[in-house]
Protein backbone atom coordinates (compact mmCIF):
# COMPACT_ATOMS: atom_id res chain seq x y z
CA UNK A 1 -2.21 26.95 -11.65
CA UNK A 2 0.53 29.23 -11.80
CA UNK A 3 -0.08 30.37 -8.39
CA UNK A 4 -0.20 27.11 -6.89
CA UNK A 5 3.11 26.64 -8.38
CA UNK A 6 4.31 30.02 -6.86
CA UNK A 7 3.30 29.10 -3.29
CA UNK A 8 5.31 25.66 -3.57
CA UNK A 9 8.18 27.43 -4.92
CA UNK A 10 8.25 30.29 -2.69
CA UNK A 11 9.95 30.66 0.93
CA UNK A 12 8.50 29.88 3.92
CA UNK A 13 7.80 32.88 6.30
CA UNK A 14 8.76 32.84 9.82
CA UNK A 15 6.77 31.53 12.21
CA UNK A 16 6.71 32.34 15.66
CA UNK A 17 4.18 30.65 17.29
CA UNK A 18 2.41 26.89 17.06
CA UNK A 19 -0.72 28.20 16.08
CA UNK A 20 1.23 30.19 13.22
CA UNK A 21 2.86 27.47 11.88
CA UNK A 22 -0.49 25.50 11.63
CA UNK A 23 -2.23 28.18 10.12
CA UNK A 24 0.62 28.78 7.18
CA UNK A 25 0.77 25.12 6.50
CA UNK A 26 -3.19 24.39 7.12
CA UNK A 27 -3.26 23.22 3.49
CA UNK A 28 -0.56 21.22 3.57
CA UNK A 29 -2.27 19.41 7.26
CA UNK A 30 -5.54 19.28 5.65
CA UNK A 31 -4.79 17.15 2.01
CA UNK A 32 -2.59 15.20 3.80
CA UNK A 33 -4.95 14.23 6.71
CA UNK A 34 -7.65 13.52 3.95
CA UNK A 35 -5.28 11.34 1.96
CA UNK A 36 -4.03 9.25 5.23
CA UNK A 37 -7.81 8.71 6.03
CA UNK A 38 -8.44 7.58 2.89
CA UNK A 39 -5.83 5.00 3.17
CA UNK A 40 -6.93 3.80 6.05
CA UNK A 41 -10.12 2.84 4.52
CA UNK A 42 -8.18 1.20 1.73
CA UNK A 43 -6.07 -0.94 4.53
CA UNK A 44 -9.22 -1.59 6.33
CA UNK A 45 -11.07 -3.19 3.14
CA UNK A 46 -7.51 -4.85 2.90
CA UNK A 47 -8.00 -6.80 6.08
CA UNK A 48 -11.42 -7.73 5.50
CA UNK A 49 -10.53 -9.44 1.92
CA UNK A 50 -7.11 -11.18 3.49
CA UNK A 51 -9.43 -12.43 6.08
CA UNK A 52 -12.02 -14.00 3.52
CA UNK A 53 -8.95 -15.65 1.28
CA UNK A 54 -8.70 -18.90 3.89
CA UNK A 55 -9.66 -21.30 1.32
CA UNK A 56 -7.06 -19.65 -1.10
CA UNK A 57 -4.48 -20.36 1.42
CA UNK A 58 -4.74 -23.55 2.18
CA UNK A 59 -5.50 -24.53 -1.45
CA UNK A 60 -2.16 -22.73 -2.39
CA UNK A 61 0.40 -23.13 0.73
CA UNK A 62 2.66 -20.53 0.76
CA UNK A 63 0.78 -18.08 -0.70
CA UNK A 64 0.42 -15.81 2.35
CA UNK A 65 4.27 -15.25 2.04
CA UNK A 66 3.97 -13.48 -1.36
CA UNK A 67 1.11 -11.26 0.06
CA UNK A 68 2.62 -8.49 2.31
CA UNK A 69 5.73 -8.17 -0.27
CA UNK A 70 3.30 -7.67 -3.23
CA UNK A 71 1.31 -4.71 -1.17
CA UNK A 72 4.57 -3.21 -0.61
CA UNK A 73 5.79 -3.58 -3.99
CA UNK A 74 2.90 -1.66 -5.46
CA UNK A 75 3.25 0.84 -2.93
CA UNK A 76 6.80 1.40 -3.66
CA UNK A 77 6.68 1.31 -7.79
CA UNK A 78 3.61 3.22 -7.92
CA UNK A 79 4.29 5.58 -5.10
CA UNK A 80 7.47 6.42 -6.76
CA UNK A 81 6.16 7.37 -10.44
CA UNK A 82 3.73 9.27 -8.60
CA UNK A 83 6.38 10.80 -6.67
CA UNK A 84 8.52 11.37 -10.14
CA UNK A 85 5.05 12.53 -11.88
CA UNK A 86 5.01 15.71 -8.97
CA UNK A 87 8.45 16.61 -9.03
CA UNK A 88 8.22 16.98 -13.30
CA UNK A 89 4.67 18.77 -12.40
CA UNK A 90 6.08 21.42 -10.31
CA UNK A 91 9.09 21.95 -12.07
CA UNK A 92 7.04 21.91 -15.61
CA UNK A 93 9.27 19.02 -17.20
CA UNK A 94 5.72 17.31 -17.81
CA UNK A 95 2.65 19.73 -18.81
CA UNK A 96 -0.04 19.63 -16.07
CA UNK A 97 -2.94 18.70 -18.94
CA UNK A 98 -3.21 15.24 -18.80
CA UNK A 99 -1.71 14.18 -22.09
CA UNK A 100 0.74 11.60 -23.27
CA UNK A 101 4.15 13.08 -23.83
CA UNK A 102 8.02 11.21 -24.61
CA UNK A 103 8.67 11.71 -20.50
CA UNK A 104 5.32 10.75 -19.23
CA UNK A 105 5.42 7.19 -21.42
CA UNK A 106 8.87 6.69 -20.47
CA UNK A 107 7.86 7.05 -16.64
CA UNK A 108 4.94 4.15 -17.78
CA UNK A 109 6.93 2.15 -19.80
CA UNK A 110 9.35 2.02 -16.55
CA UNK A 111 6.84 1.12 -14.09
CA UNK A 112 5.61 -1.51 -16.03
CA UNK A 113 8.67 -3.28 -16.37
CA UNK A 114 9.82 -2.37 -12.78
CA UNK A 115 6.17 -4.70 -12.23
CA UNK A 116 7.69 -7.55 -13.84
CA UNK A 117 10.78 -7.51 -12.77
CA UNK A 118 9.86 -7.49 -8.96
CA UNK A 119 6.88 -10.11 -9.30
CA UNK A 120 9.45 -12.57 -10.75
CA UNK A 121 12.01 -12.08 -8.09
CA UNK A 122 8.91 -11.81 -4.96
CA UNK A 123 8.17 -15.06 -6.57
CA UNK A 124 11.68 -16.70 -6.02
CA UNK A 125 12.24 -15.08 -2.69
CA UNK A 126 8.88 -16.62 -1.38
CA UNK A 127 9.80 -20.30 -2.21
CA UNK A 128 13.45 -19.51 -1.18
CA UNK A 129 12.04 -18.34 2.34
CA UNK A 130 9.19 -21.45 2.29
CA UNK A 131 12.26 -24.13 1.85
CA UNK A 132 14.39 -21.66 4.33
CA UNK A 133 11.52 -22.04 7.23
CA UNK A 134 11.00 -25.73 6.56
CA UNK A 135 7.51 -24.41 5.86
CA UNK A 136 5.09 -26.56 2.78
CA UNK A 137 4.70 -24.66 -0.21
CA UNK A 138 3.59 -24.86 -3.81
CA UNK A 139 5.80 -25.01 -6.51
CA UNK A 140 8.01 -22.58 -7.90
CA UNK A 141 6.23 -22.48 -11.23
CA UNK A 142 3.11 -21.44 -9.20
CA UNK A 143 4.48 -18.84 -7.66
CA UNK A 144 6.10 -17.19 -10.58
CA UNK A 145 2.40 -17.55 -12.23
CA UNK A 146 0.70 -16.17 -9.62
CA UNK A 147 2.78 -13.22 -8.70
CA UNK A 148 3.58 -11.95 -12.47
CA UNK A 149 -0.24 -12.33 -13.25
CA UNK A 150 -1.43 -10.71 -10.22
CA UNK A 151 1.15 -7.44 -11.18
CA UNK A 152 0.19 -7.49 -14.54
CA UNK A 153 -3.70 -6.93 -13.37
CA UNK A 154 -2.58 -4.72 -10.93
CA UNK A 155 -0.37 -2.80 -13.01
CA UNK A 156 -3.14 -2.21 -15.59
CA UNK A 157 -5.45 -0.34 -12.93
CA UNK A 158 -2.56 1.08 -10.93
CA UNK A 159 -1.02 2.81 -13.95
CA UNK A 160 -4.35 5.22 -15.05
CA UNK A 161 -5.06 5.61 -11.07
CA UNK A 162 -1.93 7.07 -10.41
CA UNK A 163 -1.61 9.82 -13.45
CA UNK A 164 -5.28 10.52 -12.59
CA UNK A 165 -5.01 11.35 -8.87
CA UNK A 166 -1.71 13.35 -10.08
CA UNK A 167 -2.48 15.31 -12.82
CA UNK A 168 -6.06 16.00 -11.15
CA UNK A 169 -4.96 17.17 -7.63
CA UNK A 170 -2.40 19.37 -9.15
CA UNK A 171 -4.96 20.70 -11.83
CA UNK A 172 -7.22 21.29 -8.89
CA UNK A 173 -4.49 23.31 -6.98
CA UNK A 174 -3.15 20.57 -4.38
CA UNK A 175 0.12 19.19 -4.13
CA UNK A 176 0.64 16.22 -5.04
CA UNK A 177 3.25 15.05 -2.99
CA UNK A 178 0.39 15.49 -0.01
CA UNK A 179 -2.33 13.54 -2.15
CA UNK A 180 -0.47 10.88 -4.37
CA UNK A 181 1.29 8.88 -2.33
CA UNK A 182 -1.42 7.67 0.35
CA UNK A 183 -4.33 7.26 -1.98
CA UNK A 184 -1.69 5.16 -4.23
CA UNK A 185 -1.13 2.99 -1.38
CA UNK A 186 -4.66 2.67 -0.54
CA UNK A 187 -5.68 1.80 -4.01
CA UNK A 188 -2.81 -0.72 -3.68
CA UNK A 189 -3.66 -2.54 -0.84
CA UNK A 190 -7.22 -2.83 -2.01
CA UNK A 191 -6.52 -4.05 -5.45
CA UNK A 192 -3.45 -6.60 -4.93
CA UNK A 193 -5.63 -9.11 -3.05
CA UNK A 194 -8.19 -9.16 -5.42
CA UNK A 195 -5.42 -9.12 -8.32
CA UNK A 196 -3.90 -12.36 -6.49
CA UNK A 197 -7.05 -14.05 -6.19
CA UNK A 198 -7.78 -13.62 -9.98
CA UNK A 199 -4.25 -14.71 -10.64
CA UNK A 200 -5.02 -17.96 -8.60
CA UNK A 201 -8.32 -18.46 -10.70
CA UNK A 202 -6.40 -17.86 -13.87
CA UNK A 203 -3.82 -20.72 -12.59
CA UNK A 204 -6.31 -23.37 -11.64
CA UNK A 205 -7.89 -22.79 -15.30
CA UNK A 206 -4.29 -23.55 -16.52
CA UNK A 207 -3.98 -27.21 -14.69
CA UNK A 208 -5.89 -28.94 -17.20
CA UNK A 209 -2.52 -29.31 -19.28
CA UNK A 210 1.23 -28.74 -17.56
CA UNK A 211 2.61 -28.41 -20.71
CA UNK A 212 0.61 -25.25 -21.01
CA UNK A 213 1.68 -24.02 -17.76
CA UNK A 214 5.64 -24.61 -19.00
CA UNK A 215 5.01 -22.69 -22.24
CA UNK A 216 3.17 -19.62 -20.30
CA UNK A 217 6.35 -19.70 -18.05
CA UNK A 218 8.73 -19.72 -20.58
CA UNK A 219 7.00 -16.78 -22.27
CA UNK A 220 6.59 -14.84 -19.23
CA UNK A 221 10.95 -15.18 -18.57
CA UNK A 222 11.02 -13.85 -22.16
CA UNK A 223 8.87 -11.23 -21.68
CA UNK A 224 10.99 -10.28 -18.37
CA UNK A 225 14.05 -10.47 -19.73
CA UNK A 226 13.49 -8.48 -23.16
CA UNK A 227 11.21 -5.60 -21.35
CA UNK A 228 14.28 -5.30 -18.98
CA UNK A 229 16.87 -4.51 -22.08
CA UNK A 230 14.75 -2.74 -24.13
CA UNK A 231 13.48 -0.07 -21.22
CA UNK A 232 17.24 0.06 -20.05
CA UNK A 233 18.71 1.08 -23.89
CA UNK A 234 15.57 2.90 -24.73
CA UNK A 235 16.54 6.29 -23.13
CA UNK A 236 18.76 7.87 -20.37
CA UNK A 237 15.35 8.64 -18.12
CA UNK A 238 14.30 5.00 -18.46
CA UNK A 239 18.26 3.52 -17.69
CA UNK A 240 18.53 6.14 -14.80
CA UNK A 241 14.82 5.14 -13.30
CA UNK A 242 16.08 0.96 -14.02
CA UNK A 243 19.64 1.43 -12.82
CA UNK A 244 18.46 3.38 -9.64
CA UNK A 245 15.05 1.68 -8.83
CA UNK A 246 15.92 -2.06 -9.48
CA UNK A 247 18.58 -2.55 -6.60
CA UNK A 248 16.57 -0.95 -4.14
CA UNK A 249 13.10 -2.60 -4.63
CA UNK A 250 14.98 -5.83 -4.66
CA UNK A 251 16.27 -4.99 -1.02
CA UNK A 252 12.93 -4.35 -0.42
CA UNK A 253 11.35 -7.10 -1.14
CA UNK A 254 13.90 -8.79 1.22
CA UNK A 255 12.63 -6.38 3.83
CA UNK A 256 9.53 -7.66 3.30
CA UNK A 257 10.20 -10.88 4.27
CA UNK A 258 11.81 -9.41 7.23
CA UNK A 259 8.52 -8.28 8.43
CA UNK A 260 6.83 -11.08 8.19
CA UNK A 261 9.31 -12.94 10.29
CA UNK A 262 8.62 -10.47 13.08
CA UNK A 263 5.09 -10.95 12.85
CA UNK A 264 5.17 -14.72 12.97
CA UNK A 265 7.41 -14.30 16.02
CA UNK A 266 4.15 -12.54 17.77
CA UNK A 267 1.57 -14.87 16.43
CA UNK A 268 0.24 -15.64 19.21
CA UNK A 269 -0.15 -11.97 20.74
CA UNK A 270 -1.72 -11.40 17.84
CA UNK A 271 -4.22 -14.20 17.66
CA UNK A 272 -5.15 -13.75 21.37
CA UNK A 273 -6.19 -10.34 20.85
CA UNK A 274 -7.91 -9.99 17.82
CA UNK A 275 -8.03 -6.03 17.70
CA UNK A 276 -4.06 -6.00 17.12
CA UNK A 277 -4.82 -7.85 14.11
CA UNK A 278 -6.99 -5.43 12.92
CA UNK A 279 -4.58 -2.43 13.91
CA UNK A 280 -1.70 -4.17 12.08
CA UNK A 281 -2.47 -3.80 8.45
CA UNK A 282 -3.91 0.10 9.69
CA UNK A 283 -0.80 1.11 11.55
CA UNK A 284 1.51 -0.34 8.66
CA UNK A 285 -0.35 1.37 6.07
CA UNK A 286 -0.56 4.73 8.06
CA UNK A 287 3.25 4.56 8.94
CA UNK A 288 4.17 4.14 5.24
CA UNK A 289 1.76 6.41 3.68
CA UNK A 290 2.87 9.22 6.33
CA UNK A 291 6.38 8.32 5.56
CA UNK A 292 5.74 8.69 1.63
CA UNK A 293 4.36 12.18 1.74
CA UNK A 294 7.61 13.10 3.89
CA UNK A 295 9.94 11.57 1.47
CA UNK A 296 8.05 12.97 -2.09
CA UNK A 297 7.90 16.73 -0.26
CA UNK A 298 11.62 16.82 0.82
CA UNK A 299 12.60 15.19 -3.15
CA UNK A 300 9.99 17.96 -4.42
CA UNK A 301 11.80 20.39 -2.02
CA UNK A 302 15.55 19.24 -3.12
CA UNK A 303 14.63 19.46 -6.89
CA UNK A 304 13.20 22.79 -6.37
CA UNK A 305 15.51 24.06 -4.04
CA UNK A 306 13.07 24.94 -1.13
CA UNK A 307 15.16 21.95 1.11
CA UNK A 308 19.16 22.53 1.49
CA UNK A 309 21.08 18.88 1.33
CA UNK A 310 22.73 19.87 4.55
CA UNK A 311 23.78 17.51 7.10
CA UNK A 312 22.09 19.03 9.87
CA UNK A 313 18.59 19.55 8.83
CA UNK A 314 17.12 23.42 8.50
CA UNK A 315 14.20 25.56 7.19
CA UNK A 316 11.82 23.49 5.07
CA UNK A 317 13.27 20.16 5.86
CA UNK A 318 12.66 20.63 9.92
CA UNK A 319 8.73 22.42 8.70
CA UNK A 320 8.09 19.10 6.97
CA UNK A 321 9.30 17.07 10.41
CA UNK A 322 6.99 19.16 12.60
CA UNK A 323 3.78 18.53 10.05
CA UNK A 324 4.78 14.79 9.76
CA UNK A 325 4.12 14.79 13.74
CA UNK A 326 1.15 16.90 13.71
CA UNK A 327 -0.33 14.78 11.22
CA UNK A 328 0.52 11.92 13.65
CA UNK A 329 -0.98 13.00 16.83
CA UNK A 330 -4.18 13.35 14.92
CA UNK A 331 -4.07 9.89 12.45
CA UNK A 332 -2.89 7.31 14.92
CA UNK A 333 -5.25 7.65 17.86
CA UNK A 334 -7.92 7.33 14.90
CA UNK A 335 -6.94 4.48 13.90
CA UNK A 336 -6.41 2.70 17.31
CA UNK A 337 -10.03 3.49 17.15
CA UNK A 338 -10.87 2.34 14.25
CA UNK A 339 -9.43 -0.64 14.98
CA UNK A 340 -11.15 -1.27 18.07
CA UNK A 341 -14.28 -0.18 16.96
CA UNK A 342 -14.51 -2.53 14.23
CA UNK A 343 -13.78 -5.65 16.20
CA UNK A 344 -16.16 -4.33 18.97
CA UNK A 345 -18.75 -4.25 15.56
CA UNK A 346 -17.75 -7.54 14.70
CA UNK A 347 -18.22 -8.82 18.13
CA UNK A 348 -14.86 -9.89 18.71
CA UNK A 349 -13.13 -9.23 22.36
CA UNK A 350 -10.46 -6.34 21.65
CA UNK A 351 -7.82 -4.87 24.29
CA UNK A 352 -10.09 -2.15 25.14
CA UNK A 353 -10.46 1.37 23.83
CA UNK A 354 -7.76 3.14 26.36
CA UNK A 355 -5.29 0.38 25.81
CA UNK A 356 -5.29 0.40 21.91
CA UNK A 357 -5.22 4.43 22.01
CA UNK A 358 -2.15 4.15 24.00
CA UNK A 359 -0.52 1.43 21.72
CA UNK A 360 -1.34 2.99 18.79
CA UNK A 361 -0.35 6.50 19.73
CA UNK A 362 2.80 5.67 21.57
CA UNK A 363 4.04 3.35 18.93
CA UNK A 364 3.24 5.71 16.02
CA UNK A 365 5.30 8.62 17.74
CA UNK A 366 7.93 6.31 18.13
CA UNK A 367 8.00 4.98 14.80
CA UNK A 368 7.47 8.57 13.20
CA UNK A 369 10.32 10.23 15.19
CA UNK A 370 12.75 7.24 13.94
CA UNK A 371 11.72 7.49 10.26
CA UNK A 372 12.06 11.22 9.93
CA UNK A 373 15.36 11.00 10.65
CA UNK A 374 16.25 7.83 8.17
CA UNK A 375 14.05 9.65 5.38
CA UNK A 376 16.14 12.60 5.36
CA UNK A 377 19.59 11.24 4.99
CA UNK A 378 17.95 9.05 2.65
CA UNK A 379 17.16 12.11 0.73
CA UNK A 380 20.17 14.07 1.14
CA UNK A 381 22.35 11.16 0.28
CA UNK A 382 20.80 10.42 -3.02
CA UNK A 383 20.32 13.90 -4.06
CA UNK A 384 24.06 14.40 -3.54
CA UNK A 385 25.09 11.16 -5.07
CA UNK A 386 23.50 12.44 -8.33
CA UNK A 387 20.47 9.81 -7.56
CA UNK A 388 17.14 11.19 -8.52
CA UNK A 389 15.16 11.06 -4.60
CA UNK A 390 12.47 10.00 -6.48
CA UNK A 391 13.42 6.39 -7.30
CA UNK A 392 15.20 5.95 -3.97
CA UNK A 393 13.50 7.44 -1.05
CA UNK A 394 9.65 6.08 -1.08
CA UNK A 395 11.06 2.42 -1.85
CA UNK A 396 13.82 2.36 0.90
CA UNK A 397 11.77 4.56 3.45
CA UNK A 398 8.18 2.52 3.41
CA UNK A 399 10.14 -0.88 3.45
CA UNK A 400 11.92 -0.04 6.39
CA UNK A 401 8.95 1.54 7.92
CA UNK A 402 7.12 -1.84 7.10
CA UNK A 403 10.12 -4.01 8.76
CA UNK A 404 10.16 -1.88 11.85
CA UNK A 405 6.51 -0.74 12.40
CA UNK A 406 5.38 -4.27 12.93
CA UNK A 407 8.70 -4.91 15.37
CA UNK A 408 7.86 -1.40 16.92
CA UNK A 409 3.73 -1.87 17.55
CA UNK A 410 4.23 -5.63 18.77
CA UNK A 411 6.89 -4.55 21.05
CA UNK A 412 4.47 -1.44 22.70
CA UNK A 413 1.73 -3.73 22.50
CA UNK A 414 3.54 -6.46 24.67
CA UNK A 415 4.61 -3.42 27.10
CA UNK A 416 1.02 -1.87 27.58
CA UNK A 417 -0.61 -4.98 27.98
CA UNK A 418 2.18 -6.69 30.39
CA UNK A 419 2.16 -3.33 32.70
CA UNK A 420 -1.88 -2.68 32.28
CA UNK A 421 -3.44 -6.16 32.74
């Protein structure tokens, strides 16, 4: 364990050639690549589950509006939780032994409270979007009950998974910055939709009495308010997490709605090219996970002194950028093949392996080129303003990634399909 920590904190050697660079960072690339492939499996499973939710989407109009935001929220909250654990493990604040401590308990409670608050806010945003877009929707009461109950269910699953992945990866000599964010995102994608389905069944069970539903709503509202105030006053650590994370996560929910609007504007293209629909969650998930790895590594680097918050990125920061591009060159062609192969296997006409490879690869490289810059400056800006990057970087970067990944993928798809067809 000491060797692992020493390796993370030691300065990088001067690397003269690209093969030397790859060899120097082979463990980082391998760990990150494995995590990204696991994330791809989770995203593919999430797409299959979503395809089986037709009945629920019809019975509860407006439910689809809440799904992208709910998936993104799990990744943002628990990605940040994992990033804080990783940083605290690296610098020794939290023991490498899997045991509860005051610092760990504060992080657990803060993540739970953030889930309650953001689930409530997401429900209100979903209802508001339906009204603004003149779309049929269920009542705000149903939105709140489904969103909050699903949030609690997901929380009970995601909290222990996040801790186990973080502690076990560190215990086995792996850098949690390379492992946790993609795996947590994969589990978040995988469990969010079943949690929403379970909350729908619970809501249906409540329909025997409207008074009972109203009472449950009042209990939820009181629980959210009381837990937030209590957590805010509990300690400096919990106050900092809530104070820094809440505004960012609220903004992320709004960005999630923007991503949905972008997708809706190109619905005809997506419906006439089914493999693009399959590629969409894979592309968005891999982009978010790749950027989360970068954000977590920059955050740990800033805390440990490996990354200097300069206006022009240097040294370790640039090395992390190069690693991101190496991973992108490997991952994005693979998910293109996976999307087209899945469509072929299901007997659905795709756009062709050559076109899907070009679309996925070009769109991925464009997005990574944009996001490494955004992530770096969000990281150093938050750090220079005495804000913890662990609370800021991953939520903002993944939400921006979700929004612009949809725009970039659709734009590149239209361009390549328009030129080649």
